[in-house]
Amino acid sequence: MQPLSYYYVNVLEAMEKPCDVPAAERQEGFDLLYQQGGRVEIDLMQQAEEALAEGTPFHWHEAIDAEQQAKLRRALEDQDPAKIHKLLHRNGYASILYHHALTHFPAVPGAA
């Protein structure tokens, strides 16, 4: 996994603003993703792969084409949250990450 500073500077701050996420939620999502240091992306992809193996794939994962799914799988195998984030963002599913962060990862007390 890349150091947190690399992850934050090169992924979160370099991204275009996702239009499907309201500004307040986007900032809160960025903050949570930063605080968790890549754990949100890894956890989300592990859950997506488990659901796929059980025959109940997540709707967004199923909607991504096979090439992108393979890239996501490689990123998960490499434990590369930045690549997962970039792929989800490029495929229009950045809001899935923010939602997953907000619902499954509590804010770190005292973190900014």
N, C-alpha and C. Protein backbone atom coordinates (compact mmCIF):
# COMPACT_ATOMS: atom_id res chain seq x y z
N MET A 1 0.85 -1.17 0.00
CA MET A 1 0.00 0.00 0.00
C MET A 1 0.90 1.24 0.00
N GLN A 2 0.52 2.24 -0.77
CA GLN A 2 1.28 3.48 -0.84
C GLN A 2 1.15 4.26 0.46
N PRO A 3 2.14 5.07 0.79
CA PRO A 3 2.02 5.93 1.98
C PRO A 3 0.82 6.85 1.85
N LEU A 4 0.25 7.22 2.98
CA LEU A 4 -0.95 8.05 3.00
C LEU A 4 -0.75 9.37 2.26
N SER A 5 0.41 9.98 2.40
CA SER A 5 0.64 11.26 1.74
C SER A 5 0.57 11.11 0.23
N TYR A 6 1.13 10.05 -0.32
CA TYR A 6 1.06 9.80 -1.76
C TYR A 6 -0.39 9.63 -2.18
N TYR A 7 -1.10 8.83 -1.42
CA TYR A 7 -2.50 8.54 -1.71
C TYR A 7 -3.33 9.83 -1.72
N TYR A 8 -3.18 10.64 -0.70
CA TYR A 8 -3.98 11.85 -0.59
C TYR A 8 -3.65 12.86 -1.68
N VAL A 9 -2.39 13.14 -1.89
CA VAL A 9 -1.99 14.16 -2.85
C VAL A 9 -2.30 13.74 -4.27
N ASN A 10 -1.98 12.51 -4.64
CA ASN A 10 -2.09 12.09 -6.03
C ASN A 10 -3.46 11.54 -6.42
N VAL A 11 -4.28 11.20 -5.48
CA VAL A 11 -5.59 10.66 -5.83
C VAL A 11 -6.70 11.60 -5.41
N LEU A 12 -6.85 11.84 -4.14
CA LEU A 12 -8.00 12.61 -3.66
C LEU A 12 -7.96 14.05 -4.13
N GLU A 13 -6.82 14.72 -4.01
CA GLU A 13 -6.77 16.13 -4.37
C GLU A 13 -6.70 16.35 -5.88
N ALA A 14 -6.22 15.36 -6.63
CA ALA A 14 -6.08 15.53 -8.07
C ALA A 14 -7.36 15.21 -8.83
N MET A 15 -8.34 14.66 -8.16
CA MET A 15 -9.56 14.25 -8.84
C MET A 15 -10.40 15.44 -9.25
N GLU A 16 -11.11 15.25 -10.33
CA GLU A 16 -12.14 16.21 -10.72
C GLU A 16 -13.27 16.05 -9.72
N LYS A 17 -14.04 17.09 -9.52
CA LYS A 17 -15.17 16.98 -8.61
C LYS A 17 -16.22 16.06 -9.21
N PRO A 18 -16.58 14.99 -8.50
CA PRO A 18 -17.62 14.12 -9.03
C PRO A 18 -18.98 14.82 -8.97
N CYS A 19 -19.66 14.90 -10.08
CA CYS A 19 -20.92 15.66 -10.14
C CYS A 19 -22.07 14.93 -9.47
N ASP A 20 -21.92 13.63 -9.19
CA ASP A 20 -23.03 12.88 -8.60
C ASP A 20 -23.02 12.90 -7.07
N VAL A 21 -22.11 13.66 -6.47
CA VAL A 21 -22.01 13.72 -5.02
C VAL A 21 -22.15 15.17 -4.57
N PRO A 22 -23.13 15.45 -3.70
CA PRO A 22 -23.28 16.83 -3.20
C PRO A 22 -22.00 17.30 -2.50
N ALA A 23 -21.71 18.58 -2.59
CA ALA A 23 -20.46 19.12 -2.08
C ALA A 23 -20.18 18.76 -0.62
N ALA A 24 -21.18 18.87 0.26
CA ALA A 24 -20.97 18.56 1.67
C ALA A 24 -20.60 17.10 1.86
N GLU A 25 -21.31 16.22 1.18
CA GLU A 25 -21.02 14.79 1.28
C GLU A 25 -19.68 14.46 0.65
N ARG A 26 -19.35 15.14 -0.44
CA ARG A 26 -18.07 14.90 -1.10
C ARG A 26 -16.92 15.24 -0.15
N GLN A 27 -17.01 16.38 0.53
CA GLN A 27 -15.95 16.77 1.46
C GLN A 27 -15.88 15.78 2.61
N GLU A 28 -17.03 15.40 3.15
CA GLU A 28 -17.05 14.44 4.25
C GLU A 28 -16.47 13.10 3.77
N GLY A 29 -16.83 12.71 2.55
CA GLY A 29 -16.29 11.48 1.98
C GLY A 29 -14.79 11.56 1.78
N PHE A 30 -14.29 12.68 1.26
CA PHE A 30 -12.85 12.87 1.11
C PHE A 30 -12.16 12.75 2.47
N ASP A 31 -12.74 13.41 3.48
CA ASP A 31 -12.15 13.39 4.82
C ASP A 31 -12.08 11.96 5.35
N LEU A 32 -13.17 11.20 5.20
CA LEU A 32 -13.18 9.82 5.68
C LEU A 32 -12.19 8.95 4.90
N LEU A 33 -12.16 9.11 3.59
CA LEU A 33 -11.22 8.32 2.79
C LEU A 33 -9.78 8.64 3.20
N TYR A 34 -9.50 9.91 3.44
CA TYR A 34 -8.17 10.31 3.87
C TYR A 34 -7.83 9.72 5.24
N GLN A 35 -8.77 9.83 6.18
CA GLN A 35 -8.54 9.32 7.53
C GLN A 35 -8.30 7.81 7.53
N GLN A 36 -9.00 7.10 6.68
CA GLN A 36 -8.90 5.65 6.67
C GLN A 36 -7.71 5.15 5.85
N GLY A 37 -7.09 6.01 5.08
CA GLY A 37 -5.87 5.66 4.38
C GLY A 37 -5.96 4.49 3.43
N GLY A 38 -7.06 4.35 2.71
CA GLY A 38 -7.17 3.30 1.72
C GLY A 38 -7.96 2.08 2.16
N ARG A 39 -8.31 2.00 3.45
CA ARG A 39 -9.06 0.83 3.94
C ARG A 39 -10.47 0.75 3.35
N VAL A 40 -11.07 1.90 3.05
CA VAL A 40 -12.43 1.92 2.50
C VAL A 40 -12.46 1.24 1.14
N GLU A 41 -11.52 1.61 0.27
CA GLU A 41 -11.47 1.04 -1.08
C GLU A 41 -11.23 -0.47 -1.04
N ILE A 42 -10.30 -0.90 -0.21
CA ILE A 42 -9.98 -2.32 -0.10
C ILE A 42 -11.20 -3.08 0.44
N ASP A 43 -11.83 -2.55 1.49
CA ASP A 43 -12.99 -3.21 2.08
C ASP A 43 -14.14 -3.31 1.08
N LEU A 44 -14.40 -2.23 0.36
CA LEU A 44 -15.48 -2.23 -0.63
C LEU A 44 -15.24 -3.28 -1.70
N MET A 45 -14.02 -3.35 -2.22
CA MET A 45 -13.72 -4.32 -3.27
C MET A 45 -13.76 -5.76 -2.75
N GLN A 46 -13.33 -5.97 -1.51
CA GLN A 46 -13.42 -7.31 -0.93
C GLN A 46 -14.89 -7.74 -0.82
N GLN A 47 -15.75 -6.82 -0.39
CA GLN A 47 -17.18 -7.13 -0.30
C GLN A 47 -17.77 -7.39 -1.68
N ALA A 48 -17.35 -6.60 -2.68
CA ALA A 48 -17.85 -6.78 -4.04
C ALA A 48 -17.43 -8.14 -4.59
N GLU A 49 -16.19 -8.55 -4.36
CA GLU A 49 -15.71 -9.84 -4.84
C GLU A 49 -16.42 -10.99 -4.12
N GLU A 50 -16.66 -10.85 -2.81
CA GLU A 50 -17.38 -11.87 -2.06
C GLU A 50 -18.80 -12.02 -2.58
N ALA A 51 -19.46 -10.89 -2.83
CA ALA A 51 -20.83 -10.92 -3.35
C ALA A 51 -20.87 -11.57 -4.73
N LEU A 52 -19.88 -11.28 -5.56
CA LEU A 52 -19.80 -11.88 -6.90
C LEU A 52 -19.62 -13.39 -6.79
N ALA A 53 -18.76 -13.84 -5.88
CA ALA A 53 -18.52 -15.26 -5.67
C ALA A 53 -19.77 -15.99 -5.16
N GLU A 54 -20.60 -15.28 -4.40
CA GLU A 54 -21.83 -15.86 -3.86
C GLU A 54 -22.97 -15.82 -4.87
N GLY A 55 -22.73 -15.19 -6.02
CA GLY A 55 -23.76 -15.10 -7.05
C GLY A 55 -24.73 -13.96 -6.89
N THR A 56 -24.41 -13.02 -6.01
CA THR A 56 -25.25 -11.84 -5.81
C THR A 56 -24.41 -10.57 -5.97
N PRO A 57 -23.93 -10.30 -7.19
CA PRO A 57 -23.03 -9.16 -7.38
C PRO A 57 -23.72 -7.82 -7.11
N PHE A 58 -22.92 -6.88 -6.65
CA PHE A 58 -23.42 -5.52 -6.46
C PHE A 58 -23.78 -4.97 -7.83
N HIS A 59 -24.86 -4.19 -7.90
CA HIS A 59 -25.33 -3.67 -9.19
C HIS A 59 -24.26 -2.86 -9.91
N TRP A 60 -23.51 -2.05 -9.18
CA TRP A 60 -22.49 -1.21 -9.82
C TRP A 60 -21.33 -2.06 -10.32
N HIS A 61 -20.99 -3.10 -9.60
CA HIS A 61 -19.88 -3.97 -10.00
C HIS A 61 -20.26 -4.76 -11.25
N GLU A 62 -21.48 -5.18 -11.31
CA GLU A 62 -21.98 -5.91 -12.46
C GLU A 62 -22.05 -5.02 -13.70
N ALA A 63 -22.31 -3.73 -13.50
CA ALA A 63 -22.45 -2.79 -14.62
C ALA A 63 -21.10 -2.41 -15.25
N ILE A 64 -20.02 -2.61 -14.53
CA ILE A 64 -18.69 -2.30 -15.06
C ILE A 64 -18.28 -3.41 -16.02
N ASP A 65 -17.68 -3.02 -17.15
CA ASP A 65 -17.31 -4.04 -18.14
C ASP A 65 -16.20 -4.96 -17.62
N ALA A 66 -16.02 -6.09 -18.30
CA ALA A 66 -15.10 -7.14 -17.86
C ALA A 66 -13.66 -6.64 -17.74
N GLU A 67 -13.23 -5.78 -18.65
CA GLU A 67 -11.87 -5.25 -18.60
C GLU A 67 -11.66 -4.43 -17.33
N GLN A 68 -12.63 -3.58 -17.00
CA GLN A 68 -12.52 -2.75 -15.80
C GLN A 68 -12.61 -3.61 -14.54
N GLN A 69 -13.45 -4.64 -14.57
CA GLN A 69 -13.53 -5.55 -13.42
C GLN A 69 -12.19 -6.24 -13.19
N ALA A 70 -11.54 -6.64 -14.27
CA ALA A 70 -10.22 -7.28 -14.15
C ALA A 70 -9.21 -6.32 -13.55
N LYS A 71 -9.26 -5.06 -13.98
CA LYS A 71 -8.34 -4.06 -13.43
C LYS A 71 -8.61 -3.85 -11.94
N LEU A 72 -9.89 -3.81 -11.56
CA LEU A 72 -10.24 -3.67 -10.15
C LEU A 72 -9.75 -4.87 -9.35
N ARG A 73 -9.89 -6.06 -9.91
CA ARG A 73 -9.45 -7.27 -9.24
C ARG A 73 -7.92 -7.24 -9.04
N ARG A 74 -7.19 -6.81 -10.07
CA ARG A 74 -5.72 -6.71 -9.95
C ARG A 74 -5.34 -5.67 -8.88
N ALA A 75 -6.06 -4.56 -8.86
CA ALA A 75 -5.77 -3.53 -7.86
C ALA A 75 -6.02 -4.06 -6.45
N LEU A 76 -7.06 -4.87 -6.29
CA LEU A 76 -7.35 -5.46 -4.98
C LEU A 76 -6.25 -6.45 -4.62
N GLU A 77 -5.85 -7.29 -5.56
CA GLU A 77 -4.77 -8.25 -5.30
C GLU A 77 -3.48 -7.53 -4.93
N ASP A 78 -3.22 -6.38 -5.56
CA ASP A 78 -2.02 -5.60 -5.26
C ASP A 78 -2.18 -4.71 -4.03
N GLN A 79 -3.38 -4.71 -3.44
CA GLN A 79 -3.69 -3.85 -2.29
C GLN A 79 -3.40 -2.40 -2.63
N ASP A 80 -3.93 -1.94 -3.76
CA ASP A 80 -3.68 -0.59 -4.26
C ASP A 80 -4.97 0.24 -4.22
N PRO A 81 -5.26 0.89 -3.08
CA PRO A 81 -6.50 1.66 -2.98
C PRO A 81 -6.58 2.83 -3.94
N ALA A 82 -5.43 3.42 -4.27
CA ALA A 82 -5.43 4.55 -5.20
C ALA A 82 -5.93 4.12 -6.57
N LYS A 83 -5.51 2.95 -7.03
CA LYS A 83 -5.95 2.44 -8.33
C LYS A 83 -7.44 2.11 -8.29
N ILE A 84 -7.90 1.52 -7.20
CA ILE A 84 -9.32 1.21 -7.05
C ILE A 84 -10.13 2.50 -7.13
N HIS A 85 -9.66 3.51 -6.40
CA HIS A 85 -10.36 4.79 -6.38
C HIS A 85 -10.43 5.41 -7.77
N LYS A 86 -9.30 5.40 -8.47
CA LYS A 86 -9.26 5.97 -9.82
C LYS A 86 -10.20 5.24 -10.76
N LEU A 87 -10.19 3.91 -10.71
CA LEU A 87 -11.06 3.12 -11.59
C LEU A 87 -12.54 3.37 -11.30
N LEU A 88 -12.90 3.40 -10.04
CA LEU A 88 -14.30 3.66 -9.70
C LEU A 88 -14.71 5.06 -10.13
N HIS A 89 -13.81 6.02 -9.94
CA HIS A 89 -14.11 7.39 -10.33
C HIS A 89 -14.29 7.49 -11.85
N ARG A 90 -13.37 6.90 -12.59
CA ARG A 90 -13.45 6.96 -14.05
C ARG A 90 -14.70 6.29 -14.60
N ASN A 91 -15.19 5.28 -13.89
CA ASN A 91 -16.38 4.56 -14.34
C ASN A 91 -17.67 5.16 -13.80
N GLY A 92 -17.56 6.29 -13.09
CA GLY A 92 -18.73 7.00 -12.60
C GLY A 92 -19.30 6.48 -11.28
N TYR A 93 -18.48 5.77 -10.52
CA TYR A 93 -18.97 5.20 -9.27
C TYR A 93 -18.26 5.74 -8.04
N ALA A 94 -17.77 6.97 -8.09
CA ALA A 94 -17.11 7.58 -6.93
C ALA A 94 -18.06 7.66 -5.75
N SER A 95 -19.34 7.89 -6.03
CA SER A 95 -20.30 8.03 -4.93
C SER A 95 -20.44 6.74 -4.13
N ILE A 96 -20.17 5.58 -4.76
CA ILE A 96 -20.22 4.31 -4.04
C ILE A 96 -19.18 4.31 -2.92
N LEU A 97 -17.99 4.82 -3.22
CA LEU A 97 -16.94 4.90 -2.20
C LEU A 97 -17.35 5.80 -1.04
N TYR A 98 -17.88 6.98 -1.38
CA TYR A 98 -18.28 7.91 -0.33
C TYR A 98 -19.39 7.31 0.53
N HIS A 99 -20.35 6.67 -0.11
CA HIS A 99 -21.45 6.05 0.63
C HIS A 99 -20.90 4.93 1.53
N HIS A 100 -20.02 4.11 1.01
CA HIS A 100 -19.43 3.02 1.79
C HIS A 100 -18.65 3.58 2.98
N ALA A 101 -17.90 4.65 2.76
CA ALA A 101 -17.15 5.28 3.85
C ALA A 101 -18.09 5.82 4.92
N LEU A 102 -19.16 6.48 4.49
CA LEU A 102 -20.09 7.08 5.45
C LEU A 102 -20.87 6.04 6.24
N THR A 103 -21.17 4.91 5.61
CA THR A 103 -22.01 3.91 6.29
C THR A 103 -21.22 2.83 7.03
N HIS A 104 -19.97 2.59 6.66
CA HIS A 104 -19.22 1.49 7.26
C HIS A 104 -17.98 1.91 8.05
N PHE A 105 -17.57 3.16 7.93
CA PHE A 105 -16.35 3.60 8.60
C PHE A 105 -16.65 4.87 9.39
N PRO A 106 -16.62 4.78 10.71
CA PRO A 106 -16.88 5.99 11.51
C PRO A 106 -15.72 6.97 11.39
N ALA A 107 -16.03 8.23 11.58
CA ALA A 107 -14.99 9.27 11.55
C ALA A 107 -14.01 9.03 12.69
N VAL A 108 -12.75 9.32 12.46
CA VAL A 108 -11.73 9.17 13.48
C VAL A 108 -11.82 10.38 14.40
N PRO A 109 -12.05 10.17 15.72
CA PRO A 109 -12.16 11.30 16.64
C PRO A 109 -10.91 12.16 16.63
N GLY A 110 -11.10 13.46 16.57
CA GLY A 110 -9.99 14.41 16.60
C GLY A 110 -9.25 14.59 15.31
N ALA A 111 -9.66 13.85 14.25
CA ALA A 111 -8.98 14.00 12.97
C ALA A 111 -9.63 15.15 12.20
N ALA A 112 -8.83 15.81 11.40
CA ALA A 112 -9.35 16.95 10.63
C ALA A 112 -9.49 16.57 9.18
